PDB file of N, CA and C in Angstrom:
ATOM      1  N   UNK A   1     -68.681 -34.657  30.799  1.00  0.00           N
ATOM      2  CA  UNK A   1     -68.201 -34.768  32.176  1.00  0.00           C
ATOM      3  C   UNK A   1     -67.153 -33.702  32.485  1.00  0.00           C
ATOM      4  N   UNK A   2     -67.215 -33.209  33.683  1.00  0.00           N
ATOM      5  CA  UNK A   2     -66.371 -32.096  34.099  1.00  0.00           C
ATOM      6  C   UNK A   2     -64.881 -32.398  33.967  1.00  0.00           C
ATOM      7  N   UNK A   3     -64.458 -33.613  34.345  1.00  0.00           N
ATOM      8  CA  UNK A   3     -63.032 -33.953  34.255  1.00  0.00           C
ATOM      9  C   UNK A   3     -62.523 -33.814  32.827  1.00  0.00           C
ATOM     10  N   UNK A   4     -63.275 -34.310  31.868  1.00  0.00           N
ATOM     11  CA  UNK A   4     -62.863 -34.231  30.469  1.00  0.00           C
ATOM     12  C   UNK A   4     -62.836 -32.783  29.991  1.00  0.00           C
ATOM     13  N   UNK A   5     -63.810 -32.014  30.416  1.00  0.00           N
ATOM     14  CA  UNK A   5     -63.872 -30.616  29.989  1.00  0.00           C
ATOM     15  C   UNK A   5     -62.627 -29.866  30.443  1.00  0.00           C
ATOM     16  N   UNK A   6     -62.233 -30.050  31.702  1.00  0.00           N
ATOM     17  CA  UNK A   6     -61.063 -29.340  32.215  1.00  0.00           C
ATOM     18  C   UNK A   6     -59.774 -29.843  31.581  1.00  0.00           C
ATOM     19  N   UNK A   7     -59.706 -31.131  31.302  1.00  0.00           N
ATOM     20  CA  UNK A   7     -58.515 -31.658  30.639  1.00  0.00           C
ATOM     21  C   UNK A   7     -58.389 -31.067  29.234  1.00  0.00           C
ATOM     22  N   UNK A   8     -59.475 -31.014  28.511  1.00  0.00           N
ATOM     23  CA  UNK A   8     -59.466 -30.431  27.168  1.00  0.00           C
ATOM     24  C   UNK A   8     -59.099 -28.953  27.231  1.00  0.00           C
ATOM     25  N   UNK A   9     -59.678 -28.237  28.180  1.00  0.00           N
ATOM     26  CA  UNK A   9     -59.351 -26.819  28.348  1.00  0.00           C
ATOM     27  C   UNK A   9     -57.851 -26.664  28.602  1.00  0.00           C
ATOM     28  N   UNK A  10     -57.297 -27.527  29.442  1.00  0.00           N
ATOM     29  CA  UNK A  10     -55.876 -27.430  29.772  1.00  0.00           C
ATOM     30  C   UNK A  10     -55.024 -27.640  28.523  1.00  0.00           C
ATOM     31  N   UNK A  11     -55.317 -28.677  27.746  1.00  0.00           N
ATOM     32  CA  UNK A  11     -54.549 -28.935  26.519  1.00  0.00           C
ATOM     33  C   UNK A  11     -54.630 -27.750  25.567  1.00  0.00           C
ATOM     34  N   UNK A  12     -55.822 -27.258  25.358  1.00  0.00           N
ATOM     35  CA  UNK A  12     -55.999 -26.177  24.396  1.00  0.00           C
ATOM     36  C   UNK A  12     -55.354 -24.888  24.877  1.00  0.00           C
ATOM     37  N   UNK A  13     -55.315 -24.654  26.157  1.00  0.00           N
ATOM     38  CA  UNK A  13     -54.737 -23.416  26.683  1.00  0.00           C
ATOM     39  C   UNK A  13     -53.214 -23.438  26.670  1.00  0.00           C
ATOM     40  N   UNK A  14     -52.612 -24.566  26.352  1.00  0.00           N
ATOM     41  CA  UNK A  14     -51.155 -24.645  26.318  1.00  0.00           C
ATOM     42  C   UNK A  14     -50.564 -23.936  25.107  1.00  0.00           C
ATOM     43  N   UNK A  15     -51.386 -23.696  24.085  1.00  0.00           N
ATOM     44  CA  UNK A  15     -50.912 -22.964  22.917  1.00  0.00           C
ATOM     45  C   UNK A  15     -50.705 -21.500  23.269  1.00  0.00           C
ATOM     46  N   UNK A  16     -49.906 -20.827  22.479  1.00  0.00           N
ATOM     47  CA  UNK A  16     -49.669 -19.410  22.715  1.00  0.00           C
ATOM     48  C   UNK A  16     -50.896 -18.568  22.413  1.00  0.00           C
ATOM     49  N   UNK A  17     -50.912 -17.346  22.903  1.00  0.00           N
ATOM     50  CA  UNK A  17     -52.034 -16.443  22.618  1.00  0.00           C
ATOM     51  C   UNK A  17     -52.212 -16.280  21.105  1.00  0.00           C
ATOM     52  N   UNK A  18     -53.427 -16.285  20.691  1.00  0.00           N
ATOM     53  CA  UNK A  18     -53.717 -16.087  19.273  1.00  0.00           C
ATOM     54  C   UNK A  18     -53.713 -17.347  18.430  1.00  0.00           C
ATOM     55  N   UNK A  19     -53.400 -18.482  19.024  1.00  0.00           N
ATOM     56  CA  UNK A  19     -53.332 -19.724  18.250  1.00  0.00           C
ATOM     57  C   UNK A  19     -54.683 -20.039  17.615  1.00  0.00           C
ATOM     58  N   UNK A  20     -55.736 -20.000  18.405  1.00  0.00           N
ATOM     59  CA  UNK A  20     -57.060 -20.335  17.885  1.00  0.00           C
ATOM     60  C   UNK A  20     -57.461 -19.369  16.772  1.00  0.00           C
ATOM     61  N   UNK A  21     -57.192 -18.094  16.980  1.00  0.00           N
ATOM     62  CA  UNK A  21     -57.516 -17.093  15.960  1.00  0.00           C
ATOM     63  C   UNK A  21     -56.733 -17.383  14.677  1.00  0.00           C
ATOM     64  N   UNK A  22     -55.488 -17.759  14.830  1.00  0.00           N
ATOM     65  CA  UNK A  22     -54.669 -18.118  13.668  1.00  0.00           C
ATOM     66  C   UNK A  22     -55.190 -19.358  12.966  1.00  0.00           C
ATOM     67  N   UNK A  23     -55.629 -20.344  13.750  1.00  0.00           N
ATOM     68  CA  UNK A  23     -56.215 -21.553  13.162  1.00  0.00           C
ATOM     69  C   UNK A  23     -57.435 -21.206  12.324  1.00  0.00           C
ATOM     70  N   UNK A  24     -58.309 -20.389  12.876  1.00  0.00           N
ATOM     71  CA  UNK A  24     -59.519 -20.003  12.150  1.00  0.00           C
ATOM     72  C   UNK A  24     -59.180 -19.269  10.855  1.00  0.00           C
ATOM     73  N   UNK A  25     -58.188 -18.393  10.910  1.00  0.00           N
ATOM     74  CA  UNK A  25     -57.779 -17.666   9.711  1.00  0.00           C
ATOM     75  C   UNK A  25     -57.258 -18.642   8.659  1.00  0.00           C
ATOM     76  N   UNK A  26     -56.451 -19.592   9.100  1.00  0.00           N
ATOM     77  CA  UNK A  26     -55.890 -20.585   8.185  1.00  0.00           C
ATOM     78  C   UNK A  26     -57.003 -21.351   7.474  1.00  0.00           C
ATOM     79  N   UNK A  27     -57.960 -21.864   8.239  1.00  0.00           N
ATOM     80  CA  UNK A  27     -59.029 -22.677   7.655  1.00  0.00           C
ATOM     81  C   UNK A  27     -60.054 -21.857   6.893  1.00  0.00           C
ATOM     82  N   UNK A  28     -60.226 -20.606   7.249  1.00  0.00           N
ATOM     83  CA  UNK A  28     -61.260 -19.786   6.621  1.00  0.00           C
ATOM     84  C   UNK A  28     -60.752 -18.943   5.458  1.00  0.00           C
ATOM     85  N   UNK A  29     -59.484 -18.560   5.493  1.00  0.00           N
ATOM     86  CA  UNK A  29     -58.971 -17.641   4.484  1.00  0.00           C
ATOM     87  C   UNK A  29     -57.835 -18.272   3.679  1.00  0.00           C
ATOM     88  N   UNK A  30     -56.768 -18.654   4.357  1.00  0.00           N
ATOM     89  CA  UNK A  30     -55.605 -19.195   3.654  1.00  0.00           C
ATOM     90  C   UNK A  30     -55.923 -20.462   2.863  1.00  0.00           C
ATOM     91  N   UNK A  31     -56.701 -21.334   3.444  1.00  0.00           N
ATOM     92  CA  UNK A  31     -56.993 -22.622   2.809  1.00  0.00           C
ATOM     93  C   UNK A  31     -58.493 -22.888   2.819  1.00  0.00           C
ATOM     94  N   UNK A  32     -59.229 -22.044   2.166  1.00  0.00           N
ATOM     95  CA  UNK A  32     -60.679 -22.194   2.061  1.00  0.00           C
ATOM     96  C   UNK A  32     -60.978 -22.987   0.789  1.00  0.00           C
ATOM     97  N   UNK A  33     -61.305 -24.253   0.972  1.00  0.00           N
ATOM     98  CA  UNK A  33     -61.547 -25.138  -0.163  1.00  0.00           C
ATOM     99  C   UNK A  33     -63.031 -25.387  -0.409  1.00  0.00           C
ATOM    100  N   UNK A  34     -63.890 -24.560   0.166  1.00  0.00           N
ATOM    101  CA  UNK A  34     -65.324 -24.814   0.041  1.00  0.00           C
ATOM    102  C   UNK A  34     -65.804 -24.875  -1.403  1.00  0.00           C
ATOM    103  N   UNK A  35     -65.170 -24.125  -2.287  1.00  0.00           N
ATOM    104  CA  UNK A  35     -65.619 -24.144  -3.680  1.00  0.00           C
ATOM    105  C   UNK A  35     -65.326 -25.486  -4.352  1.00  0.00           C
ATOM    106  N   UNK A  36     -64.496 -26.306  -3.734  1.00  0.00           N
ATOM    107  CA  UNK A  36     -64.172 -27.619  -4.294  1.00  0.00           C
ATOM    108  C   UNK A  36     -65.112 -28.720  -3.806  1.00  0.00           C
ATOM    109  N   UNK A  37     -65.972 -28.416  -2.847  1.00  0.00           N
ATOM    110  CA  UNK A  37     -66.861 -29.436  -2.285  1.00  0.00           C
ATOM    111  C   UNK A  37     -67.691 -30.139  -3.345  1.00  0.00           C
ATOM    112  N   UNK A  38     -68.158 -29.399  -4.332  1.00  0.00           N
ATOM    113  CA  UNK A  38     -69.018 -29.977  -5.360  1.00  0.00           C
ATOM    114  C   UNK A  38     -68.277 -30.956  -6.257  1.00  0.00           C
ATOM    115  N   UNK A  39     -66.952 -30.940  -6.225  1.00  0.00           N
ATOM    116  CA  UNK A  39     -66.163 -31.855  -7.044  1.00  0.00           C
ATOM    117  C   UNK A  39     -65.955 -33.215  -6.374  1.00  0.00           C
ATOM    118  N   UNK A  40     -66.352 -33.329  -5.123  1.00  0.00           N
ATOM    119  CA  UNK A  40     -66.211 -34.609  -4.427  1.00  0.00           C
ATOM    120  C   UNK A  40     -67.204 -35.581  -5.043  1.00  0.00           C
ATOM    121  N   UNK A  41     -66.726 -36.745  -5.457  1.00  0.00           N
ATOM    122  CA  UNK A  41     -67.542 -37.677  -6.237  1.00  0.00           C
ATOM    123  C   UNK A  41     -68.665 -38.336  -5.447  1.00  0.00           C
ATOM    124  N   UNK A  42     -68.471 -38.564  -4.170  1.00  0.00           N
ATOM    125  CA  UNK A  42     -69.480 -39.278  -3.396  1.00  0.00           C
ATOM    126  C   UNK A  42     -69.453 -40.773  -3.649  1.00  0.00           C
ATOM    127  N   UNK A  43     -68.361 -41.284  -4.211  1.00  0.00           N
ATOM    128  CA  UNK A  43     -68.245 -42.717  -4.486  1.00  0.00           C
ATOM    129  C   UNK A  43     -68.038 -43.550  -3.230  1.00  0.00           C
ATOM    130  N   UNK A  44     -67.693 -42.905  -2.158  1.00  0.00           N
ATOM    131  CA  UNK A  44     -67.522 -43.592  -0.872  1.00  0.00           C
ATOM    132  C   UNK A  44     -68.382 -42.866   0.160  1.00  0.00           C
ATOM    133  N   UNK A  45     -68.762 -43.555   1.228  1.00  0.00           N
ATOM    134  CA  UNK A  45     -69.573 -42.889   2.253  1.00  0.00           C
ATOM    135  C   UNK A  45     -68.811 -41.726   2.891  1.00  0.00           C
ATOM    136  N   UNK A  46     -69.495 -40.612   3.047  1.00  0.00           N
ATOM    137  CA  UNK A  46     -68.894 -39.435   3.676  1.00  0.00           C
ATOM    138  C   UNK A  46     -69.827 -38.974   4.787  1.00  0.00           C
ATOM    139  N   UNK A  47     -69.298 -38.881   5.981  1.00  0.00           N
ATOM    140  CA  UNK A  47     -70.079 -38.474   7.146  1.00  0.00           C
ATOM    141  C   UNK A  47     -69.460 -37.231   7.747  1.00  0.00           C
ATOM    142  N   UNK A  48     -70.271 -36.206   7.916  1.00  0.00           N
ATOM    143  CA  UNK A  48     -69.849 -34.993   8.599  1.00  0.00           C
ATOM    144  C   UNK A  48     -70.436 -35.045  10.002  1.00  0.00           C
ATOM    145  N   UNK A  49     -69.571 -35.131  10.986  1.00  0.00           N
ATOM    146  CA  UNK A  49     -70.006 -35.193  12.380  1.00  0.00           C
ATOM    147  C   UNK A  49     -69.544 -33.922  13.073  1.00  0.00           C
ATOM    148  N   UNK A  50     -70.480 -33.222  13.676  1.00  0.00           N
ATOM    149  CA  UNK A  50     -70.129 -31.987  14.367  1.00  0.00           C
ATOM    150  C   UNK A  50     -70.884 -31.901  15.682  1.00  0.00           C
ATOM    151  N   UNK A  51     -70.260 -31.281  16.641  1.00  0.00           N
ATOM    152  CA  UNK A  51     -70.885 -31.139  17.945  1.00  0.00           C
ATOM    153  C   UNK A  51     -71.912 -30.021  17.967  1.00  0.00           C
ATOM    154  N   UNK A  52     -72.954 -30.249  18.716  1.00  0.00           N
ATOM    155  CA  UNK A  52     -74.006 -29.250  18.892  1.00  0.00           C
ATOM    156  C   UNK A  52     -73.427 -27.928  19.401  1.00  0.00           C
ATOM    157  N   UNK A  53     -72.396 -28.014  20.241  1.00  0.00           N
ATOM    158  CA  UNK A  53     -71.795 -26.822  20.844  1.00  0.00           C
ATOM    159  C   UNK A  53     -70.437 -26.488  20.233  1.00  0.00           C
ATOM    160  N   UNK A  54     -70.221 -26.873  18.984  1.00  0.00           N
ATOM    161  CA  UNK A  54     -68.964 -26.570  18.309  1.00  0.00           C
ATOM    162  C   UNK A  54     -69.081 -25.181  17.698  1.00  0.00           C
ATOM    163  N   UNK A  55     -68.374 -24.234  18.278  1.00  0.00           N
ATOM    164  CA  UNK A  55     -68.446 -22.866  17.784  1.00  0.00           C
ATOM    165  C   UNK A  55     -67.346 -22.571  16.771  1.00  0.00           C
ATOM    166  N   UNK A  56     -66.389 -23.498  16.601  1.00  0.00           N
ATOM    167  CA  UNK A  56     -65.354 -23.331  15.588  1.00  0.00           C
ATOM    168  C   UNK A  56     -65.856 -23.828  14.229  1.00  0.00           C
ATOM    169  N   UNK A  57     -66.655 -24.863  14.251  1.00  0.00           N
ATOM    170  CA  UNK A  57     -67.280 -25.405  13.041  1.00  0.00           C
ATOM    171  C   UNK A  57     -68.716 -25.746  13.415  1.00  0.00           C
ATOM    172  N   UNK A  58     -69.575 -24.769  13.317  1.00  0.00           N
ATOM    173  CA  UNK A  58     -70.941 -24.892  13.823  1.00  0.00           C
ATOM    174  C   UNK A  58     -71.747 -25.929  13.042  1.00  0.00           C
ATOM    175  N   UNK A  59     -72.810 -26.435  13.647  1.00  0.00           N
ATOM    176  CA  UNK A  59     -73.687 -27.343  12.909  1.00  0.00           C
ATOM    177  C   UNK A  59     -74.190 -26.730  11.599  1.00  0.00           C
ATOM    178  N   UNK A  60     -74.472 -25.447  11.614  1.00  0.00           N
ATOM    179  CA  UNK A  60     -74.938 -24.781  10.396  1.00  0.00           C
ATOM    180  C   UNK A  60     -73.861 -24.805   9.312  1.00  0.00           C
ATOM    181  N   UNK A  61     -72.615 -24.561   9.693  1.00  0.00           N
ATOM    182  CA  UNK A  61     -71.512 -24.602   8.736  1.00  0.00           C
ATOM    183  C   UNK A  61     -71.361 -26.012   8.169  1.00  0.00           C
ATOM    184  N   UNK A  62     -71.482 -26.993   9.041  1.00  0.00           N
ATOM    185  CA  UNK A  62     -71.350 -28.385   8.621  1.00  0.00           C
ATOM    186  C   UNK A  62     -72.462 -28.759   7.649  1.00  0.00           C
ATOM    187  N   UNK A  63     -73.680 -28.366   7.958  1.00  0.00           N
ATOM    188  CA  UNK A  63     -74.807 -28.681   7.073  1.00  0.00           C
ATOM    189  C   UNK A  63     -74.647 -28.013   5.708  1.00  0.00           C
ATOM    190  N   UNK A  64     -74.165 -26.777   5.683  1.00  0.00           N
ATOM    191  CA  UNK A  64     -73.936 -26.075   4.410  1.00  0.00           C
ATOM    192  C   UNK A  64     -72.895 -26.811   3.568  1.00  0.00           C
ATOM    193  N   UNK A  65     -71.850 -27.287   4.224  1.00  0.00           N
ATOM    194  CA  UNK A  65     -70.816 -28.031   3.512  1.00  0.00           C
ATOM    195  C   UNK A  65     -71.381 -29.334   2.973  1.00  0.00           C
ATOM    196  N   UNK A  66     -72.089 -30.062   3.807  1.00  0.00           N
ATOM    197  CA  UNK A  66     -72.632 -31.363   3.402  1.00  0.00           C
ATOM    198  C   UNK A  66     -73.613 -31.242   2.243  1.00  0.00           C
ATOM    199  N   UNK A  67     -74.340 -30.148   2.178  1.00  0.00           N
ATOM    200  CA  UNK A  67     -75.286 -29.942   1.075  1.00  0.00           C
ATOM    201  C   UNK A  67     -74.587 -29.950  -0.279  1.00  0.00           C
ATOM    202  N   UNK A  68     -73.309 -29.619  -0.295  1.00  0.00           N
ATOM    203  CA  UNK A  68     -72.561 -29.540  -1.546  1.00  0.00           C
ATOM    204  C   UNK A  68     -71.775 -30.815  -1.849  1.00  0.00           C
ATOM    205  N   UNK A  69     -71.817 -31.779  -0.954  1.00  0.00           N
ATOM    206  CA  UNK A  69     -71.062 -33.018  -1.147  1.00  0.00           C
ATOM    207  C   UNK A  69     -72.051 -34.147  -1.429  1.00  0.00           C
ATOM    208  N   UNK A  70     -71.965 -34.707  -2.630  1.00  0.00           N
ATOM    209  CA  UNK A  70     -72.895 -35.752  -3.054  1.00  0.00           C
ATOM    210  C   UNK A  70     -72.899 -36.932  -2.086  1.00  0.00           C
ATOM    211  N   UNK A  71     -74.083 -37.358  -1.709  1.00  0.00           N
ATOM    212  CA  UNK A  71     -74.233 -38.573  -0.921  1.00  0.00           C
ATOM    213  C   UNK A  71     -73.735 -38.498   0.505  1.00  0.00           C
ATOM    214  N   UNK A  72     -73.439 -37.322   0.985  1.00  0.00           N
ATOM    215  CA  UNK A  72     -72.913 -37.214   2.351  1.00  0.00           C
ATOM    216  C   UNK A  72     -74.046 -37.210   3.364  1.00  0.00           C
ATOM    217  N   UNK A  73     -73.680 -37.487   4.585  1.00  0.00           N
ATOM    218  CA  UNK A  73     -74.648 -37.492   5.685  1.00  0.00           C
ATOM    219  C   UNK A  73     -74.105 -36.613   6.806  1.00  0.00           C
ATOM    220  N   UNK A  74     -74.971 -35.819   7.397  1.00  0.00           N
ATOM    221  CA  UNK A  74     -74.588 -34.953   8.507  1.00  0.00           C
ATOM    222  C   UNK A  74     -75.130 -35.516   9.804  1.00  0.00           C
ATOM    223  N   UNK A  75     -74.283 -35.541  10.816  1.00  0.00           N
ATOM    224  CA  UNK A  75     -74.685 -36.000  12.143  1.00  0.00           C
ATOM    225  C   UNK A  75     -74.331 -34.902  13.132  1.00  0.00           C
ATOM    226  N   UNK A  76     -75.347 -34.342  13.768  1.00  0.00           N
ATOM    227  CA  UNK A  76     -75.129 -33.334  14.802  1.00  0.00           C
ATOM    228  C   UNK A  76     -75.118 -34.069  16.137  1.00  0.00           C
ATOM    229  N   UNK A  77     -73.995 -34.013  16.813  1.00  0.00           N
ATOM    230  CA  UNK A  77     -73.830 -34.736  18.078  1.00  0.00           C
ATOM    231  C   UNK A  77     -74.284 -33.849  19.231  1.00  0.00           C
ATOM    232  N   UNK A  78     -75.408 -34.192  19.802  1.00  0.00           N
ATOM    233  CA  UNK A  78     -75.982 -33.395  20.890  1.00  0.00           C
ATOM    234  C   UNK A  78     -75.137 -33.514  22.154  1.00  0.00           C
ATOM    235  N   UNK A  79     -74.986 -32.382  22.837  1.00  0.00           N
ATOM    236  CA  UNK A  79     -74.278 -32.364  24.107  1.00  0.00           C
ATOM    237  C   UNK A  79     -72.764 -32.389  23.994  1.00  0.00           C
ATOM    238  N   UNK A  80     -72.241 -32.140  22.782  1.00  0.00           N
ATOM    239  CA  UNK A  80     -70.796 -32.213  22.551  1.00  0.00           C
ATOM    240  C   UNK A  80     -70.358 -30.942  21.830  1.00  0.00           C
ATOM    241  N   UNK A  81     -69.092 -30.565  22.016  1.00  0.00           N
ATOM    242  CA  UNK A  81     -68.536 -29.395  21.353  1.00  0.00           C
ATOM    243  C   UNK A  81     -67.543 -29.772  20.271  1.00  0.00           C
ATOM    244  N   UNK A  82     -66.421 -29.064  20.210  1.00  0.00           N
ATOM    245  CA  UNK A  82     -65.426 -29.219  19.150  1.00  0.00           C
ATOM    246  C   UNK A  82     -64.489 -30.410  19.365  1.00  0.00           C
ATOM    247  N   UNK A  83     -64.346 -30.866  20.589  1.00  0.00           N
ATOM    248  CA  UNK A  83     -63.429 -31.963  20.905  1.00  0.00           C
ATOM    249  C   UNK A  83     -64.204 -33.151  21.477  1.00  0.00           C
ATOM    250  N   UNK A  84     -65.079 -33.781  20.713  1.00  0.00           N
ATOM    251  CA  UNK A  84     -65.973 -34.797  21.271  1.00  0.00           C
ATOM    252  C   UNK A  84     -65.254 -35.977  21.905  1.00  0.00           C
ATOM    253  N   UNK A  85     -64.154 -36.402  21.300  1.00  0.00           N
ATOM    254  CA  UNK A  85     -63.450 -37.567  21.835  1.00  0.00           C
ATOM    255  C   UNK A  85     -62.769 -37.269  23.165  1.00  0.00           C
ATOM    256  N   UNK A  86     -62.542 -36.013  23.458  1.00  0.00           N
ATOM    257  CA  UNK A  86     -61.955 -35.615  24.743  1.00  0.00           C
ATOM    258  C   UNK A  86     -63.025 -35.176  25.732  1.00  0.00           C
ATOM    259  N   UNK A  87     -64.035 -34.483  25.239  1.00  0.00           N
ATOM    260  CA  UNK A  87     -65.070 -33.937  26.119  1.00  0.00           C
ATOM    261  C   UNK A  87     -65.911 -35.028  26.764  1.00  0.00           C
ATOM    262  N   UNK A  88     -66.275 -36.012  25.969  1.00  0.00           N
ATOM    263  CA  UNK A  88     -67.137 -37.075  26.478  1.00  0.00           C
ATOM    264  C   UNK A  88     -66.960 -38.303  25.585  1.00  0.00           C
ATOM    265  N   UNK A  89     -65.900 -39.081  25.815  1.00  0.00           N
ATOM    266  CA  UNK A  89     -65.606 -40.221  24.940  1.00  0.00           C
ATOM    267  C   UNK A  89     -66.751 -41.225  24.833  1.00  0.00           C
ATOM    268  N   UNK A  90     -67.448 -41.454  25.933  1.00  0.00           N
ATOM    269  CA  UNK A  90     -68.536 -42.432  25.905  1.00  0.00           C
ATOM    270  C   UNK A  90     -69.662 -41.967  24.984  1.00  0.00           C
ATOM    271  N   UNK A  91     -70.048 -40.703  25.104  1.00  0.00           N
ATOM    272  CA  UNK A  91     -71.105 -40.163  24.255  1.00  0.00           C
ATOM    273  C   UNK A  91     -70.649 -40.108  22.800  1.00  0.00           C
ATOM    274  N   UNK A  92     -69.409 -39.717  22.580  1.00  0.00           N
ATOM    275  CA  UNK A  92     -68.868 -39.674  21.223  1.00  0.00           C
ATOM    276  C   UNK A  92     -68.938 -41.054  20.572  1.00  0.00           C
ATOM    277  N   UNK A  93     -68.587 -42.083  21.315  1.00  0.00           N
ATOM    278  CA  UNK A  93     -68.642 -43.441  20.773  1.00  0.00           C
ATOM    279  C   UNK A  93     -70.056 -43.839  20.371  1.00  0.00           C
ATOM    280  N   UNK A  94     -71.056 -43.317  21.065  1.00  0.00           N
ATOM    281  CA  UNK A  94     -72.446 -43.611  20.698  1.00  0.00           C
ATOM    282  C   UNK A  94     -72.777 -43.056  19.313  1.00  0.00           C
ATOM    283  N   UNK A  95     -72.114 -41.997  18.920  1.00  0.00           N
ATOM    284  CA  UNK A  95     -72.301 -41.433  17.584  1.00  0.00           C
ATOM    285  C   UNK A  95     -71.362 -42.087  16.566  1.00  0.00           C
ATOM    286  N   UNK A  96     -70.143 -42.381  16.982  1.00  0.00           N
ATOM    287  CA  UNK A  96     -69.132 -42.895  16.067  1.00  0.00           C
ATOM    288  C   UNK A  96     -69.378 -44.342  15.649  1.00  0.00           C
ATOM    289  N   UNK A  97     -69.729 -45.199  16.585  1.00  0.00           N
ATOM    290  CA  UNK A  97     -69.846 -46.626  16.274  1.00  0.00           C
ATOM    291  C   UNK A  97     -70.870 -46.917  15.174  1.00  0.00           C
ATOM    292  N   UNK A  98     -72.057 -46.318  15.185  1.00  0.00           N
ATOM    293  CA  UNK A  98     -72.987 -46.574  14.077  1.00  0.00           C
ATOM    294  C   UNK A  98     -72.435 -46.133  12.715  1.00  0.00           C
ATOM    295  N   UNK A  99     -71.669 -45.055  12.702  1.00  0.00           N
ATOM    296  CA  UNK A  99     -71.060 -44.599  11.451  1.00  0.00           C
ATOM    297  C   UNK A  99     -70.045 -45.628  10.966  1.00  0.00           C
ATOM    298  N   UNK A 100     -69.209 -46.113  11.860  1.00  0.00           N
ATOM    299  CA  UNK A 100     -68.223 -47.125  11.475  1.00  0.00           C
ATOM    300  C   UNK A 100     -68.906 -48.400  10.995  1.00  0.00           C
ATOM    301  N   UNK A 101     -70.009 -48.772  11.624  1.00  0.00           N
ATOM    302  CA  UNK A 101     -70.763 -49.953  11.188  1.00  0.00           C
ATOM    303  C   UNK A 101     -71.347 -49.748   9.791  1.00  0.00           C
ATOM    304  N   UNK A 102     -71.851 -48.549   9.503  1.00  0.00           N
ATOM    305  CA  UNK A 102     -72.376 -48.258   8.163  1.00  0.00           C
ATOM    306  C   UNK A 102     -71.265 -48.333   7.120  1.00  0.00           C
ATOM    307  N   UNK A 103     -70.099 -47.801   7.457  1.00  0.00           N
ATOM    308  CA  UNK A 103     -68.965 -47.837   6.527  1.00  0.00           C
ATOM    309  C   UNK A 103     -68.558 -49.280   6.267  1.00  0.00           C
ATOM    310  N   UNK A 104     -68.489 -50.060   7.321  1.00  0.00           N
ATOM    311  CA  UNK A 104     -68.114 -51.466   7.178  1.00  0.00           C
ATOM    312  C   UNK A 104     -69.144 -52.212   6.326  1.00  0.00           C
ATOM    313  N   UNK A 105     -70.420 -51.956   6.546  1.00  0.00           N
ATOM    314  CA  UNK A 105     -71.475 -52.601   5.759  1.00  0.00           C
ATOM    315  C   UNK A 105     -71.378 -52.196   4.290  1.00  0.00           C
ATOM    316  N   UNK A 106     -71.083 -50.936   4.028  1.00  0.00           N
ATOM    317  CA  UNK A 106     -70.952 -50.454   2.649  1.00  0.00           C
ATOM    318  C   UNK A 106     -69.768 -51.108   1.950  1.00  0.00           C
ATOM    319  N   UNK A 107     -68.709 -51.392   2.693  1.00  0.00           N
ATOM    320  CA  UNK A 107     -67.541 -52.054   2.107  1.00  0.00           C
ATOM    321  C   UNK A 107     -67.878 -53.469   1.668  1.00  0.00           C
ATOM    322  N   UNK A 108     -68.770 -54.133   2.386  1.00  0.00           N
ATOM    323  CA  UNK A 108     -69.131 -55.509   2.056  1.00  0.00           C
ATOM    324  C   UNK A 108     -70.092 -55.586   0.882  1.00  0.00           C
ATOM    325  N   UNK A 109     -70.890 -54.567   0.651  1.00  0.00           N
ATOM    326  CA  UNK A 109     -71.908 -54.604  -0.405  1.00  0.00           C
ATOM    327  C   UNK A 109     -71.339 -54.888  -1.792  1.00  0.00           C
ATOM    328  N   UNK A 110     -70.299 -54.175  -2.262  1.00  0.00           N
ATOM    329  CA  UNK A 110     -69.780 -54.473  -3.606  1.00  0.00           C
ATOM    330  C   UNK A 110     -69.266 -55.907  -3.722  1.00  0.00           C
ATOM    331  N   UNK A 111     -68.627 -56.400  -2.669  1.00  0.00           N
ATOM    332  CA  UNK A 111     -68.111 -57.766  -2.704  1.00  0.00           C
ATOM    333  C   UNK A 111     -69.264 -58.756  -2.814  1.00  0.00           C
ATOM    334  N   UNK A 112     -70.331 -58.516  -2.090  1.00  0.00           N
ATOM    335  CA  UNK A 112     -71.499 -59.389  -2.121  1.00  0.00           C
ATOM    336  C   UNK A 112     -72.147 -59.338  -3.504  1.00  0.00           C
ATOM    337  N   UNK A 113     -72.272 -58.154  -4.066  1.00  0.00           N
ATOM    338  CA  UNK A 113     -72.878 -58.009  -5.390  1.00  0.00           C
ATOM    339  C   UNK A 113     -72.039 -58.718  -6.446  1.00  0.00           C
ATOM    340  N   UNK A 114     -70.727 -58.611  -6.332  1.00  0.00           N
ATOM    341  CA  UNK A 114     -69.835 -59.291  -7.271  1.00  0.00           C
ATOM    342  C   UNK A 114     -69.917 -60.796  -7.148  1.00  0.00           C
ATOM    343  N   UNK A 115     -70.036 -61.283  -5.921  1.00  0.00           N
ATOM    344  CA  UNK A 115     -70.137 -62.724  -5.696  1.00  0.00           C
ATOM    345  C   UNK A 115     -71.443 -63.263  -6.266  1.00  0.00           C
ATOM    346  N   UNK A 116     -72.534 -62.503  -6.119  1.00  0.00           N
ATOM    347  CA  UNK A 116     -73.831 -62.935  -6.646  1.00  0.00           C
ATOM    348  C   UNK A 116     -73.809 -62.963  -8.171  1.00  0.00           C
ATOM    349  N   UNK A 117     -73.138 -62.003  -8.786  1.00  0.00           N
ATOM    350  CA  UNK A 117     -73.084 -61.933 -10.243  1.00  0.00           C
ATOM    351  C   UNK A 117     -72.289 -63.092 -10.829  1.00  0.00           C
ATOM    352  N   UNK A 118     -71.243 -63.504 -10.125  1.00  0.00           N
ATOM    353  CA  UNK A 118     -70.407 -64.586 -10.643  1.00  0.00           C
ATOM    354  C   UNK A 118     -70.934 -65.957 -10.258  1.00  0.00           C
ATOM    355  N   UNK A 119     -71.851 -66.000  -9.278  1.00  0.00           N
ATOM    356  CA  UNK A 119     -72.335 -67.278  -8.752  1.00  0.00           C
ATOM    357  C   UNK A 119     -73.495 -67.746  -9.471  1.00  0.00           C
TER     358      UNK A 119
END
């Protein structure tokens, strides 16, 4: 929705010139932890959610990262960019709520398995 887009633009434009470029340098060069992705155990659910129009962290970048993280799932959110919760909260919730439900269900599984074993 247009109102959300302009509000997000306004917030982001409040930073000084070069802020975004500096952010990208920080995440890409100063603190590039991609080589550590393979060390993530995958013992808990991991979801990578990225917007279809996210040019700071593209869907392709997200998929490459997820390929190296055991048991992770990638969700490409159609019609959304880098700030999904600001750009279109209603659409973002359509993607977020199923993920939260899966996480909640996964939390109950070990407890259920333990109860069955002791019962």
